[in-house]
Amino acid sequence: MPAFDLVLHTGATLDAGLSGLRSTRAGRSHFWPGGQTALWRKMGLTDVTEIPVVVDCEYRSFADYWATFTGGQGIISGHLMALPDDVRGAIEQHVRAGYLVGLPDGPRSFPMMFRVVRGVVPT
């Protein structure tokens, strides 16, 4: 999830809590290809299929993007908002540089991949 990874990878270099969160997310095999299929089969479902779906997450500006992580929703937001102002400010500054990549502020699109899973409950 590139939109989240920009914040997590940047934050992980400046805060041990975000580093731990990044490691936890990376180590969850059910997010890997075939991970949901394996989980559903382990739960007893049959004829399980998993299809990756890519969705573009559109942001009007850096402020719009950053609000995703500071609005109180989600685990990343909780970690960020609990940080001291100076640490959160440093993360924001570095994430802004990554968002802008030397271009003027404005719209950006981040592809997000989700996995659609279907299975049959045995009778």
PDB file of N, CA and C in Angstrom:
ATOM      1  N   MET A   1       0.844  -1.173   0.000  1.00  0.00           N
ATOM      2  CA  MET A   1       0.000   0.000   0.000  1.00  0.00           C
ATOM      3  C   MET A   1       0.895   1.244   0.000  1.00  0.00           C
ATOM      4  N   PRO A   2       1.305   1.677  -1.166  1.00  0.00           N
ATOM      5  CA  PRO A   2       2.280   2.760  -1.271  1.00  0.00           C
ATOM      6  C   PRO A   2       1.917   4.041  -0.511  1.00  0.00           C
ATOM      7  N   ALA A   3       0.652   4.402  -0.480  1.00  0.00           N
ATOM      8  CA  ALA A   3       0.265   5.630   0.234  1.00  0.00           C
ATOM      9  C   ALA A   3       0.590   5.509   1.720  1.00  0.00           C
ATOM     10  N   PHE A   4       0.383   4.346   2.290  1.00  0.00           N
ATOM     11  CA  PHE A   4       0.690   4.125   3.699  1.00  0.00           C
ATOM     12  C   PHE A   4       2.178   3.913   3.906  1.00  0.00           C
ATOM     13  N   ASP A   5       2.813   3.223   2.940  1.00  0.00           N
ATOM     14  CA  ASP A   5       4.232   2.920   3.076  1.00  0.00           C
ATOM     15  C   ASP A   5       5.097   4.171   3.117  1.00  0.00           C
ATOM     16  N   LEU A   6       4.720   5.208   2.377  1.00  0.00           N
ATOM     17  CA  LEU A   6       5.489   6.446   2.411  1.00  0.00           C
ATOM     18  C   LEU A   6       5.571   6.978   3.837  1.00  0.00           C
ATOM     19  N   VAL A   7       4.474   6.952   4.545  1.00  0.00           N
ATOM     20  CA  VAL A   7       4.454   7.434   5.936  1.00  0.00           C
ATOM     21  C   VAL A   7       5.161   6.445   6.858  1.00  0.00           C
ATOM     22  N   LEU A   8       4.873   5.157   6.705  1.00  0.00           N
ATOM     23  CA  LEU A   8       5.481   4.166   7.597  1.00  0.00           C
ATOM     24  C   LEU A   8       6.990   4.071   7.433  1.00  0.00           C
ATOM     25  N   HIS A   9       7.477   4.033   6.218  1.00  0.00           N
ATOM     26  CA  HIS A   9       8.927   3.917   6.009  1.00  0.00           C
ATOM     27  C   HIS A   9       9.649   5.174   6.497  1.00  0.00           C
ATOM     28  N   THR A  10       9.058   6.318   6.233  1.00  0.00           N
ATOM     29  CA  THR A  10       9.659   7.572   6.700  1.00  0.00           C
ATOM     30  C   THR A  10       9.613   7.645   8.216  1.00  0.00           C
ATOM     31  N   GLY A  11       8.445   7.387   8.782  1.00  0.00           N
ATOM     32  CA  GLY A  11       8.288   7.449  10.232  1.00  0.00           C
ATOM     33  C   GLY A  11       9.145   6.440  10.967  1.00  0.00           C
ATOM     34  N   ALA A  12       9.364   5.288  10.352  1.00  0.00           N
ATOM     35  CA  ALA A  12      10.161   4.238  11.001  1.00  0.00           C
ATOM     36  C   ALA A  12      11.599   4.664  11.230  1.00  0.00           C
ATOM     37  N   THR A  13      12.094   5.595  10.428  1.00  0.00           N
ATOM     38  CA  THR A  13      13.468   6.060  10.620  1.00  0.00           C
ATOM     39  C   THR A  13      13.573   7.061  11.770  1.00  0.00           C
ATOM     40  N   LEU A  14      12.442   7.613  12.197  1.00  0.00           N
ATOM     41  CA  LEU A  14      12.455   8.647  13.235  1.00  0.00           C
ATOM     42  C   LEU A  14      11.774   8.245  14.533  1.00  0.00           C
ATOM     43  N   ASP A  15      11.067   7.108  14.526  1.00  0.00           N
ATOM     44  CA  ASP A  15      10.323   6.708  15.721  1.00  0.00           C
ATOM     45  C   ASP A  15      10.297   5.189  15.839  1.00  0.00           C
ATOM     46  N   ALA A  16      10.682   4.682  16.993  1.00  0.00           N
ATOM     47  CA  ALA A  16      10.736   3.236  17.214  1.00  0.00           C
ATOM     48  C   ALA A  16       9.355   2.598  17.149  1.00  0.00           C
ATOM     49  N   GLY A  17       8.316   3.305  17.604  1.00  0.00           N
ATOM     50  CA  GLY A  17       6.963   2.758  17.556  1.00  0.00           C
ATOM     51  C   GLY A  17       6.489   2.529  16.127  1.00  0.00           C
ATOM     52  N   LEU A  18       6.756   3.485  15.259  1.00  0.00           N
ATOM     53  CA  LEU A  18       6.379   3.317  13.851  1.00  0.00           C
ATOM     54  C   LEU A  18       7.245   2.260  13.181  1.00  0.00           C
ATOM     55  N   SER A  19       8.487   2.131  13.620  1.00  0.00           N
ATOM     56  CA  SER A  19       9.344   1.070  13.103  1.00  0.00           C
ATOM     57  C   SER A  19       8.763  -0.294  13.462  1.00  0.00           C
ATOM     58  N   GLY A  20       8.298  -0.432  14.693  1.00  0.00           N
ATOM     59  CA  GLY A  20       7.675  -1.687  15.121  1.00  0.00           C
ATOM     60  C   GLY A  20       6.392  -1.980  14.361  1.00  0.00           C
ATOM     61  N   LEU A  21       5.593  -0.944  14.145  1.00  0.00           N
ATOM     62  CA  LEU A  21       4.356  -1.115  13.386  1.00  0.00           C
ATOM     63  C   LEU A  21       4.655  -1.561  11.958  1.00  0.00           C
ATOM     64  N   ARG A  22       5.658  -0.958  11.359  1.00  0.00           N
ATOM     65  CA  ARG A  22       6.049  -1.343   9.992  1.00  0.00           C
ATOM     66  C   ARG A  22       6.461  -2.809   9.963  1.00  0.00           C
ATOM     67  N   SER A  23       7.265  -3.232  10.920  1.00  0.00           N
ATOM     68  CA  SER A  23       7.714  -4.630  10.961  1.00  0.00           C
ATOM     69  C   SER A  23       6.542  -5.582  11.164  1.00  0.00           C
ATOM     70  N   THR A  24       5.620  -5.192  12.007  1.00  0.00           N
ATOM     71  CA  THR A  24       4.440  -6.026  12.255  1.00  0.00           C
ATOM     72  C   THR A  24       3.616  -6.181  10.984  1.00  0.00           C
ATOM     73  N   ARG A  25       3.376  -5.076  10.282  1.00  0.00           N
ATOM     74  CA  ARG A  25       2.601  -5.135   9.038  1.00  0.00           C
ATOM     75  C   ARG A  25       3.318  -5.976   7.995  1.00  0.00           C
ATOM     76  N   ALA A  26       4.619  -5.805   7.861  1.00  0.00           N
ATOM     77  CA  ALA A  26       5.384  -6.525   6.838  1.00  0.00           C
ATOM     78  C   ALA A  26       5.402  -8.025   7.118  1.00  0.00           C
ATOM     79  N   GLY A  27       5.334  -8.402   8.382  1.00  0.00           N
ATOM     80  CA  GLY A  27       5.405  -9.806   8.755  1.00  0.00           C
ATOM     81  C   GLY A  27       4.087 -10.553   8.714  1.00  0.00           C
ATOM     82  N   ARG A  28       3.009  -9.878   8.351  1.00  0.00           N
ATOM     83  CA  ARG A  28       1.697 -10.540   8.306  1.00  0.00           C
ATOM     84  C   ARG A  28       1.514 -11.224   6.954  1.00  0.00           C
ATOM     85  N   SER A  29       1.707 -12.530   6.958  1.00  0.00           N
ATOM     86  CA  SER A  29       1.673 -13.276   5.698  1.00  0.00           C
ATOM     87  C   SER A  29       0.301 -13.266   5.033  1.00  0.00           C
ATOM     88  N   HIS A  30      -0.761 -12.946   5.774  1.00  0.00           N
ATOM     89  CA  HIS A  30      -2.068 -12.933   5.117  1.00  0.00           C
ATOM     90  C   HIS A  30      -2.237 -11.737   4.179  1.00  0.00           C
ATOM     91  N   PHE A  31      -1.273 -10.801   4.199  1.00  0.00           N
ATOM     92  CA  PHE A  31      -1.278  -9.705   3.229  1.00  0.00           C
ATOM     93  C   PHE A  31      -0.493 -10.052   1.965  1.00  0.00           C
ATOM     94  N   TRP A  32       0.251 -11.128   1.992  1.00  0.00           N
ATOM     95  CA  TRP A  32       1.071 -11.522   0.857  1.00  0.00           C
ATOM     96  C   TRP A  32       0.213 -12.243  -0.174  1.00  0.00           C
ATOM     97  N   PRO A  33       0.680 -12.356  -1.417  1.00  0.00           N
ATOM     98  CA  PRO A  33      -0.072 -13.124  -2.413  1.00  0.00           C
ATOM     99  C   PRO A  33      -0.317 -14.542  -1.918  1.00  0.00           C
ATOM    100  N   GLY A  34      -1.558 -14.975  -2.010  1.00  0.00           N
ATOM    101  CA  GLY A  34      -1.937 -16.311  -1.546  1.00  0.00           C
ATOM    102  C   GLY A  34      -2.216 -16.387  -0.061  1.00  0.00           C
ATOM    103  N   GLY A  35      -1.951 -15.318   0.670  1.00  0.00           N
ATOM    104  CA  GLY A  35      -2.132 -15.336   2.121  1.00  0.00           C
ATOM    105  C   GLY A  35      -3.577 -15.484   2.557  1.00  0.00           C
ATOM    106  N   GLN A  36      -4.470 -14.760   1.914  1.00  0.00           N
ATOM    107  CA  GLN A  36      -5.889 -14.882   2.249  1.00  0.00           C
ATOM    108  C   GLN A  36      -6.422 -16.253   1.841  1.00  0.00           C
ATOM    109  N   THR A  37      -5.965 -16.744   0.701  1.00  0.00           N
ATOM    110  CA  THR A  37      -6.380 -18.076   0.250  1.00  0.00           C
ATOM    111  C   THR A  37      -6.013 -19.119   1.294  1.00  0.00           C
ATOM    112  N   ALA A  38      -4.790 -19.069   1.769  1.00  0.00           N
ATOM    113  CA  ALA A  38      -4.336 -20.032   2.779  1.00  0.00           C
ATOM    114  C   ALA A  38      -5.156 -19.919   4.056  1.00  0.00           C
ATOM    115  N   LEU A  39      -5.441 -18.694   4.475  1.00  0.00           N
ATOM    116  CA  LEU A  39      -6.233 -18.482   5.693  1.00  0.00           C
ATOM    117  C   LEU A  39      -7.638 -19.042   5.525  1.00  0.00           C
ATOM    118  N   TRP A  40      -8.264 -18.768   4.409  1.00  0.00           N
ATOM    119  CA  TRP A  40      -9.636 -19.250   4.188  1.00  0.00           C
ATOM    120  C   TRP A  40      -9.668 -20.779   4.116  1.00  0.00           C
ATOM    121  N   ARG A  41      -8.674 -21.365   3.472  1.00  0.00           N
ATOM    122  CA  ARG A  41      -8.618 -22.835   3.414  1.00  0.00           C
ATOM    123  C   ARG A  41      -8.392 -23.419   4.802  1.00  0.00           C
ATOM    124  N   LYS A  42      -7.556 -22.771   5.579  1.00  0.00           N
ATOM    125  CA  LYS A  42      -7.304 -23.224   6.955  1.00  0.00           C
ATOM    126  C   LYS A  42      -8.594 -23.188   7.774  1.00  0.00           C
ATOM    127  N   MET A  43      -9.476 -22.233   7.455  1.00  0.00           N
ATOM    128  CA  MET A  43     -10.757 -22.118   8.158  1.00  0.00           C
ATOM    129  C   MET A  43     -11.785 -23.115   7.638  1.00  0.00           C
ATOM    130  N   GLY A  44     -11.412 -23.926   6.640  1.00  0.00           N
ATOM    131  CA  GLY A  44     -12.276 -24.986   6.157  1.00  0.00           C
ATOM    132  C   GLY A  44     -13.043 -24.690   4.885  1.00  0.00           C
ATOM    133  N   LEU A  45     -12.860 -23.528   4.290  1.00  0.00           N
ATOM    134  CA  LEU A  45     -13.554 -23.224   3.051  1.00  0.00           C
ATOM    135  C   LEU A  45     -12.891 -23.956   1.890  1.00  0.00           C
ATOM    136  N   THR A  46     -13.667 -24.218   0.863  1.00  0.00           N
ATOM    137  CA  THR A  46     -13.153 -24.909  -0.322  1.00  0.00           C
ATOM    138  C   THR A  46     -13.332 -24.013  -1.542  1.00  0.00           C
ATOM    139  N   ASP A  47     -12.774 -24.441  -2.652  1.00  0.00           N
ATOM    140  CA  ASP A  47     -12.858 -23.691  -3.912  1.00  0.00           C
ATOM    141  C   ASP A  47     -12.522 -22.213  -3.695  1.00  0.00           C
ATOM    142  N   VAL A  48     -11.455 -21.982  -2.986  1.00  0.00           N
ATOM    143  CA  VAL A  48     -11.061 -20.619  -2.645  1.00  0.00           C
ATOM    144  C   VAL A  48     -10.283 -19.998  -3.804  1.00  0.00           C
ATOM    145  N   THR A  49     -10.674 -18.786  -4.156  1.00  0.00           N
ATOM    146  CA  THR A  49      -9.942 -18.032  -5.166  1.00  0.00           C
ATOM    147  C   THR A  49      -9.613 -16.651  -4.608  1.00  0.00           C
ATOM    148  N   GLU A  50      -8.500 -16.130  -5.048  1.00  0.00           N
ATOM    149  CA  GLU A  50      -8.039 -14.815  -4.594  1.00  0.00           C
ATOM    150  C   GLU A  50      -7.615 -14.021  -5.816  1.00  0.00           C
ATOM    151  N   ILE A  51      -8.180 -12.840  -5.961  1.00  0.00           N
ATOM    152  CA  ILE A  51      -7.881 -12.008  -7.119  1.00  0.00           C
ATOM    153  C   ILE A  51      -7.397 -10.643  -6.636  1.00  0.00           C
ATOM    154  N   PRO A  52      -6.230 -10.190  -7.111  1.00  0.00           N
ATOM    155  CA  PRO A  52      -5.785  -8.845  -6.744  1.00  0.00           C
ATOM    156  C   PRO A  52      -6.583  -7.785  -7.502  1.00  0.00           C
ATOM    157  N   VAL A  53      -6.952  -6.737  -6.799  1.00  0.00           N
ATOM    158  CA  VAL A  53      -7.673  -5.614  -7.390  1.00  0.00           C
ATOM    159  C   VAL A  53      -6.894  -4.351  -7.036  1.00  0.00           C
ATOM    160  N   VAL A  54      -6.615  -3.526  -8.050  1.00  0.00           N
ATOM    161  CA  VAL A  54      -5.877  -2.289  -7.828  1.00  0.00           C
ATOM    162  C   VAL A  54      -6.861  -1.125  -7.882  1.00  0.00           C
ATOM    163  N   VAL A  55      -6.790  -0.284  -6.857  1.00  0.00           N
ATOM    164  CA  VAL A  55      -7.641   0.896  -6.765  1.00  0.00           C
ATOM    165  C   VAL A  55      -6.727   2.109  -6.627  1.00  0.00           C
ATOM    166  N   ASP A  56      -6.993   3.141  -7.393  1.00  0.00           N
ATOM    167  CA  ASP A  56      -6.215   4.369  -7.262  1.00  0.00           C
ATOM    168  C   ASP A  56      -6.782   5.220  -6.137  1.00  0.00           C
ATOM    169  N   CYS A  57      -5.935   5.595  -5.205  1.00  0.00           N
ATOM    170  CA  CYS A  57      -6.316   6.520  -4.142  1.00  0.00           C
ATOM    171  C   CYS A  57      -5.853   7.904  -4.577  1.00  0.00           C
ATOM    172  N   GLU A  58      -6.799   8.778  -4.791  1.00  0.00           N
ATOM    173  CA  GLU A  58      -6.524  10.111  -5.319  1.00  0.00           C
ATOM    174  C   GLU A  58      -6.493  11.135  -4.190  1.00  0.00           C
ATOM    175  N   TYR A  59      -5.514  12.010  -4.241  1.00  0.00           N
ATOM    176  CA  TYR A  59      -5.389  13.100  -3.262  1.00  0.00           C
ATOM    177  C   TYR A  59      -5.265  14.412  -4.019  1.00  0.00           C
ATOM    178  N   ARG A  60      -5.945  15.444  -3.544  1.00  0.00           N
ATOM    179  CA  ARG A  60      -5.925  16.753  -4.198  1.00  0.00           C
ATOM    180  C   ARG A  60      -4.621  17.507  -3.951  1.00  0.00           C
ATOM    181  N   SER A  61      -4.001  17.244  -2.794  1.00  0.00           N
ATOM    182  CA  SER A  61      -2.806  17.989  -2.390  1.00  0.00           C
ATOM    183  C   SER A  61      -2.128  17.221  -1.262  1.00  0.00           C
ATOM    184  N   PHE A  62      -0.958  17.725  -0.853  1.00  0.00           N
ATOM    185  CA  PHE A  62      -0.299  17.093   0.287  1.00  0.00           C
ATOM    186  C   PHE A  62      -1.171  17.195   1.530  1.00  0.00           C
ATOM    187  N   ALA A  63      -1.812  18.335   1.740  1.00  0.00           N
ATOM    188  CA  ALA A  63      -2.675  18.506   2.926  1.00  0.00           C
ATOM    189  C   ALA A  63      -3.779  17.454   2.943  1.00  0.00           C
ATOM    190  N   ASP A  64      -4.358  17.173   1.799  1.00  0.00           N
ATOM    191  CA  ASP A  64      -5.403  16.154   1.697  1.00  0.00           C
ATOM    192  C   ASP A  64      -4.832  14.781   2.046  1.00  0.00           C
ATOM    193  N   TYR A  65      -3.667  14.485   1.500  1.00  0.00           N
ATOM    194  CA  TYR A  65      -2.993  13.211   1.782  1.00  0.00           C
ATOM    195  C   TYR A  65      -2.644  13.085   3.266  1.00  0.00           C
ATOM    196  N   TRP A  66      -2.015  14.110   3.823  1.00  0.00           N
ATOM    197  CA  TRP A  66      -1.555  14.069   5.212  1.00  0.00           C
ATOM    198  C   TRP A  66      -2.741  13.928   6.173  1.00  0.00           C
ATOM    199  N   ALA A  67      -3.881  14.526   5.838  1.00  0.00           N
ATOM    200  CA  ALA A  67      -5.075  14.438   6.689  1.00  0.00           C
ATOM    201  C   ALA A  67      -5.526  12.986   6.853  1.00  0.00           C
ATOM    202  N   THR A  68      -5.198  12.136   5.895  1.00  0.00           N
ATOM    203  CA  THR A  68      -5.514  10.712   6.002  1.00  0.00           C
ATOM    204  C   THR A  68      -4.872  10.105   7.246  1.00  0.00           C
ATOM    205  N   PHE A  69      -3.722  10.629   7.617  1.00  0.00           N
ATOM    206  CA  PHE A  69      -2.949  10.046   8.713  1.00  0.00           C
ATOM    207  C   PHE A  69      -3.045  10.833  10.010  1.00  0.00           C
ATOM    208  N   THR A  70      -3.685  11.961   9.991  1.00  0.00           N
ATOM    209  CA  THR A  70      -3.777  12.778  11.209  1.00  0.00           C
ATOM    210  C   THR A  70      -5.222  13.003  11.642  1.00  0.00           C
ATOM    211  N   GLY A  71      -6.156  12.370  10.956  1.00  0.00           N
ATOM    212  CA  GLY A  71      -7.569  12.579  11.254  1.00  0.00           C
ATOM    213  C   GLY A  71      -8.123  11.684  12.346  1.00  0.00           C
ATOM    214  N   GLY A  72      -7.276  10.864  12.962  1.00  0.00           N
ATOM    215  CA  GLY A  72      -7.734  10.033  14.065  1.00  0.00           C
ATOM    216  C   GLY A  72      -8.204   8.652  13.659  1.00  0.00           C
ATOM    217  N   GLN A  73      -8.272   8.368  12.370  1.00  0.00           N
ATOM    218  CA  GLN A  73      -8.713   7.054  11.899  1.00  0.00           C
ATOM    219  C   GLN A  73      -7.508   6.150  11.663  1.00  0.00           C
ATOM    220  N   GLY A  74      -7.592   4.930  12.094  1.00  0.00           N
ATOM    221  CA  GLY A  74      -6.569   3.945  11.769  1.00  0.00           C
ATOM    222  C   GLY A  74      -5.388   3.931  12.723  1.00  0.00           C
ATOM    223  N   ILE A  75      -4.631   2.860  12.619  1.00  0.00           N
ATOM    224  CA  ILE A  75      -3.522   2.619  13.533  1.00  0.00           C
ATOM    225  C   ILE A  75      -2.349   3.571  13.298  1.00  0.00           C
ATOM    226  N   ILE A  76      -2.099   3.934  12.049  1.00  0.00           N
ATOM    227  CA  ILE A  76      -0.997   4.864  11.778  1.00  0.00           C
ATOM    228  C   ILE A  76      -1.312   6.221  12.385  1.00  0.00           C
ATOM    229  N   SER A  77      -2.540   6.662  12.216  1.00  0.00           N
ATOM    230  CA  SER A  77      -2.960   7.955  12.777  1.00  0.00           C
ATOM    231  C   SER A  77      -2.786   7.964  14.299  1.00  0.00           C
ATOM    232  N   GLY A  78      -3.179   6.900  14.943  1.00  0.00           N
ATOM    233  CA  GLY A  78      -3.033   6.815  16.398  1.00  0.00           C
ATOM    234  C   GLY A  78      -1.597   6.966  16.842  1.00  0.00           C
ATOM    235  N   HIS A  79      -0.683   6.298  16.133  1.00  0.00           N
ATOM    236  CA  HIS A  79       0.741   6.415  16.459  1.00  0.00           C
ATOM    237  C   HIS A  79       1.249   7.833  16.210  1.00  0.00           C
ATOM    238  N   LEU A  80       0.909   8.373  15.042  1.00  0.00           N
ATOM    239  CA  LEU A  80       1.388   9.722  14.710  1.00  0.00           C
ATOM    240  C   LEU A  80       0.904  10.764  15.714  1.00  0.00           C
ATOM    241  N   MET A  81      -0.361  10.710  16.050  1.00  0.00           N
ATOM    242  CA  MET A  81      -0.933  11.739  16.914  1.00  0.00           C
ATOM    243  C   MET A  81      -0.431  11.623  18.349  1.00  0.00           C
ATOM    244  N   ALA A  82       0.086  10.465  18.729  1.00  0.00           N
ATOM    245  CA  ALA A  82       0.638  10.283  20.071  1.00  0.00           C
ATOM    246  C   ALA A  82       2.088  10.759  20.179  1.00  0.00           C
ATOM    247  N   LEU A  83       2.710  11.063  19.053  1.00  0.00           N
ATOM    248  CA  LEU A  83       4.108  11.496  19.057  1.00  0.00           C
ATOM    249  C   LEU A  83       4.229  12.940  19.523  1.00  0.00           C
ATOM    250  N   PRO A  84       5.380  13.281  20.077  1.00  0.00           N
ATOM    251  CA  PRO A  84       5.630  14.698  20.380  1.00  0.00           C
ATOM    252  C   PRO A  84       5.559  15.524  19.093  1.00  0.00           C
ATOM    253  N   ASP A  85       5.164  16.773  19.229  1.00  0.00           N
ATOM    254  CA  ASP A  85       4.978  17.652  18.071  1.00  0.00           C
ATOM    255  C   ASP A  85       6.215  17.729  17.182  1.00  0.00           C
ATOM    256  N   ASP A  86       7.406  17.787  17.801  1.00  0.00           N
ATOM    257  CA  ASP A  86       8.617  17.932  16.991  1.00  0.00           C
ATOM    258  C   ASP A  86       8.899  16.686  16.150  1.00  0.00           C
ATOM    259  N   VAL A  87       8.638  15.510  16.698  1.00  0.00           N
ATOM    260  CA  VAL A  87       8.862  14.270  15.947  1.00  0.00           C
ATOM    261  C   VAL A  87       7.830  14.154  14.832  1.00  0.00           C
ATOM    262  N   ARG A  88       6.557  14.401  15.165  1.00  0.00           N
ATOM    263  CA  ARG A  88       5.512  14.358  14.140  1.00  0.00           C
ATOM    264  C   ARG A  88       5.791  15.391  13.043  1.00  0.00           C
ATOM    265  N   GLY A  89       6.266  16.565  13.422  1.00  0.00           N
ATOM    266  CA  GLY A  89       6.601  17.599  12.445  1.00  0.00           C
ATOM    267  C   GLY A  89       7.735  17.183  11.531  1.00  0.00           C
ATOM    268  N   ALA A  90       8.740  16.519  12.088  1.00  0.00           N
ATOM    269  CA  ALA A  90       9.863  16.039  11.271  1.00  0.00           C
ATOM    270  C   ALA A  90       9.385  14.971  10.283  1.00  0.00           C
ATOM    271  N   ILE A  91       8.525  14.067  10.753  1.00  0.00           N
ATOM    272  CA  ILE A  91       7.982  13.045   9.855  1.00  0.00           C
ATOM    273  C   ILE A  91       7.178  13.707   8.751  1.00  0.00           C
ATOM    274  N   GLU A  92       6.333  14.669   9.115  1.00  0.00           N
ATOM    275  CA  GLU A  92       5.528  15.370   8.114  1.00  0.00           C
ATOM    276  C   GLU A  92       6.415  16.047   7.064  1.00  0.00           C
ATOM    277  N   GLN A  93       7.485  16.684   7.511  1.00  0.00           N
ATOM    278  CA  GLN A  93       8.388  17.374   6.583  1.00  0.00           C
ATOM    279  C   GLN A  93       9.002  16.392   5.577  1.00  0.00           C
ATOM    280  N   HIS A  94       9.451  15.241   6.066  1.00  0.00           N
ATOM    281  CA  HIS A  94      10.073  14.254   5.182  1.00  0.00           C
ATOM    282  C   HIS A  94       9.051  13.574   4.273  1.00  0.00           C
ATOM    283  N   VAL A  95       7.870  13.313   4.809  1.00  0.00           N
ATOM    284  CA  VAL A  95       6.817  12.718   3.981  1.00  0.00           C
ATOM    285  C   VAL A  95       6.394  13.702   2.898  1.00  0.00           C
ATOM    286  N   ARG A  96       6.307  14.986   3.251  1.00  0.00           N
ATOM    287  CA  ARG A  96       5.964  16.010   2.257  1.00  0.00           C
ATOM    288  C   ARG A  96       6.977  15.978   1.096  1.00  0.00           C
ATOM    289  N   ALA A  97       8.258  15.883   1.418  1.00  0.00           N
ATOM    290  CA  ALA A  97       9.286  15.826   0.372  1.00  0.00           C
ATOM    291  C   ALA A  97       9.087  14.594  -0.513  1.00  0.00           C
ATOM    292  N   GLY A  98       8.708  13.485   0.095  1.00  0.00           N
ATOM    293  CA  GLY A  98       8.448  12.274  -0.684  1.00  0.00           C
ATOM    294  C   GLY A  98       7.203  12.388  -1.540  1.00  0.00           C
ATOM    295  N   TYR A  99       6.199  13.058  -1.029  1.00  0.00           N
ATOM    296  CA  TYR A  99       4.958  13.272  -1.788  1.00  0.00           C
ATOM    297  C   TYR A  99       5.216  14.193  -2.978  1.00  0.00           C
ATOM    298  N   LEU A 100       5.943  15.272  -2.720  1.00  0.00           N
ATOM    299  CA  LEU A 100       6.167  16.268  -3.769  1.00  0.00           C
ATOM    300  C   LEU A 100       7.181  15.812  -4.814  1.00  0.00           C
ATOM    301  N   VAL A 101       8.166  15.034  -4.422  1.00  0.00           N
ATOM    302  CA  VAL A 101       9.265  14.582  -5.289  1.00  0.00           C
ATOM    303  C   VAL A 101       9.768  15.685  -6.217  1.00  0.00           C
ATOM    304  N   GLY A 102       9.932  16.873  -5.650  1.00  0.00           N
ATOM    305  CA  GLY A 102      10.486  17.990  -6.411  1.00  0.00           C
ATOM    306  C   GLY A 102       9.498  18.693  -7.321  1.00  0.00           C
ATOM    307  N   LEU A 103       8.256  18.304  -7.303  1.00  0.00           N
ATOM    308  CA  LEU A 103       7.219  18.911  -8.142  1.00  0.00           C
ATOM    309  C   LEU A 103       6.352  19.839  -7.300  1.00  0.00           C
ATOM    310  N   PRO A 104       5.597  20.711  -7.943  1.00  0.00           N
ATOM    311  CA  PRO A 104       4.665  21.560  -7.188  1.00  0.00           C
ATOM    312  C   PRO A 104       3.610  20.701  -6.492  1.00  0.00           C
ATOM    313  N   ASP A 105       3.093  21.227  -5.382  1.00  0.00           N
ATOM    314  CA  ASP A 105       2.015  20.538  -4.683  1.00  0.00           C
ATOM    315  C   ASP A 105       0.822  20.429  -5.621  1.00  0.00           C
ATOM    316  N   GLY A 106       0.087  19.374  -5.474  1.00  0.00           N
ATOM    317  CA  GLY A 106      -1.088  19.178  -6.304  1.00  0.00           C
ATOM    318  C   GLY A 106      -1.541  17.738  -6.244  1.00  0.00           C
ATOM    319  N   PRO A 107      -2.382  17.347  -7.176  1.00  0.00           N
ATOM    320  CA  PRO A 107      -2.954  16.003  -7.154  1.00  0.00           C
ATOM    321  C   PRO A 107      -1.893  14.919  -7.308  1.00  0.00           C
ATOM    322  N   ARG A 108      -2.130  13.822  -6.593  1.00  0.00           N
ATOM    323  CA  ARG A 108      -1.294  12.633  -6.714  1.00  0.00           C
ATOM    324  C   ARG A 108      -2.210  11.418  -6.626  1.00  0.00           C
ATOM    325  N   SER A 109      -1.754  10.343  -7.210  1.00  0.00           N
ATOM    326  CA  SER A 109      -2.495   9.091  -7.176  1.00  0.00           C
ATOM    327  C   SER A 109      -1.568   7.992  -6.689  1.00  0.00           C
ATOM    328  N   PHE A 110      -2.047   7.199  -5.753  1.00  0.00           N
ATOM    329  CA  PHE A 110      -1.287   6.065  -5.235  1.00  0.00           C
ATOM    330  C   PHE A 110      -2.085   4.793  -5.518  1.00  0.00           C
ATOM    331  N   PRO A 111      -1.490   3.824  -6.202  1.00  0.00           N
ATOM    332  CA  PRO A 111      -2.209   2.561  -6.410  1.00  0.00           C
ATOM    333  C   PRO A 111      -2.234   1.766  -5.103  1.00  0.00           C
ATOM    334  N   MET A 112      -3.380   1.223  -4.797  1.00  0.00           N
ATOM    335  CA  MET A 112      -3.539   0.392  -3.599  1.00  0.00           C
ATOM    336  C   MET A 112      -4.081  -0.954  -4.059  1.00  0.00           C
ATOM    337  N   MET A 113      -3.398  -2.032  -3.680  1.00  0.00           N
ATOM    338  CA  MET A 113      -3.858  -3.346  -4.078  1.00  0.00           C
ATOM    339  C   MET A 113      -4.573  -4.027  -2.925  1.00  0.00           C
ATOM    340  N   PHE A 114      -5.725  -4.542  -3.239  1.00  0.00           N
ATOM    341  CA  PHE A 114      -6.519  -5.320  -2.293  1.00  0.00           C
ATOM    342  C   PHE A 114      -6.707  -6.704  -2.893  1.00  0.00           C
ATOM    343  N   ARG A 115      -7.038  -7.644  -2.066  1.00  0.00           N
ATOM    344  CA  ARG A 115      -7.261  -8.998  -2.561  1.00  0.00           C
ATOM    345  C   ARG A 115      -8.713  -9.381  -2.301  1.00  0.00           C
ATOM    346  N   VAL A 116      -9.409  -9.693  -3.381  1.00  0.00           N
ATOM    347  CA  VAL A 116     -10.783 -10.138  -3.283  1.00  0.00           C
ATOM    348  C   VAL A 116     -10.734 -11.662  -3.179  1.00  0.00           C
ATOM    349  N   VAL A 117     -11.394 -12.183  -2.167  1.00  0.00           N
ATOM    350  CA  VAL A 117     -11.335 -13.626  -1.915  1.00  0.00           C
ATOM    351  C   VAL A 117     -12.747 -14.195  -1.916  1.00  0.00           C
ATOM    352  N   ARG A 118     -12.871 -15.350  -2.517  1.00  0.00           N
ATOM    353  CA  ARG A 118     -14.151 -16.059  -2.553  1.00  0.00           C
ATOM    354  C   ARG A 118     -13.894 -17.489  -2.160  1.00  0.00           C
ATOM    355  N   GLY A 119     -14.796 -18.029  -1.353  1.00  0.00           N
ATOM    356  CA  GLY A 119     -14.693 -19.428  -0.957  1.00  0.00           C
ATOM    357  C   GLY A 119     -16.067 -20.013  -0.721  1.00  0.00           C
ATOM    358  N   VAL A 120     -16.123 -21.324  -0.688  1.00  0.00           N
ATOM    359  CA  VAL A 120     -17.371 -22.039  -0.485  1.00  0.00           C
ATOM    360  C   VAL A 120     -17.333 -22.731   0.873  1.00  0.00           C
ATOM    361  N   VAL A 121     -18.403 -22.556   1.634  1.00  0.00           N
ATOM    362  CA  VAL A 121     -18.534 -23.249   2.918  1.00  0.00           C
ATOM    363  C   VAL A 121     -18.990 -24.668   2.612  1.00  0.00           C
ATOM    364  N   PRO A 122     -18.223 -25.653   3.035  1.00  0.00           N
ATOM    365  CA  PRO A 122     -18.612 -27.040   2.741  1.00  0.00           C
ATOM    366  C   PRO A 122     -19.937 -27.398   3.440  1.00  0.00           C
ATOM    367  N   THR A 123     -20.697 -28.226   2.767  1.00  0.00           N
ATOM    368  CA  THR A 123     -21.981 -28.639   3.347  1.00  0.00           C
ATOM    369  C   THR A 123     -21.887 -29.956   4.062  1.00  0.00           C
TER     370      THR A 123
END
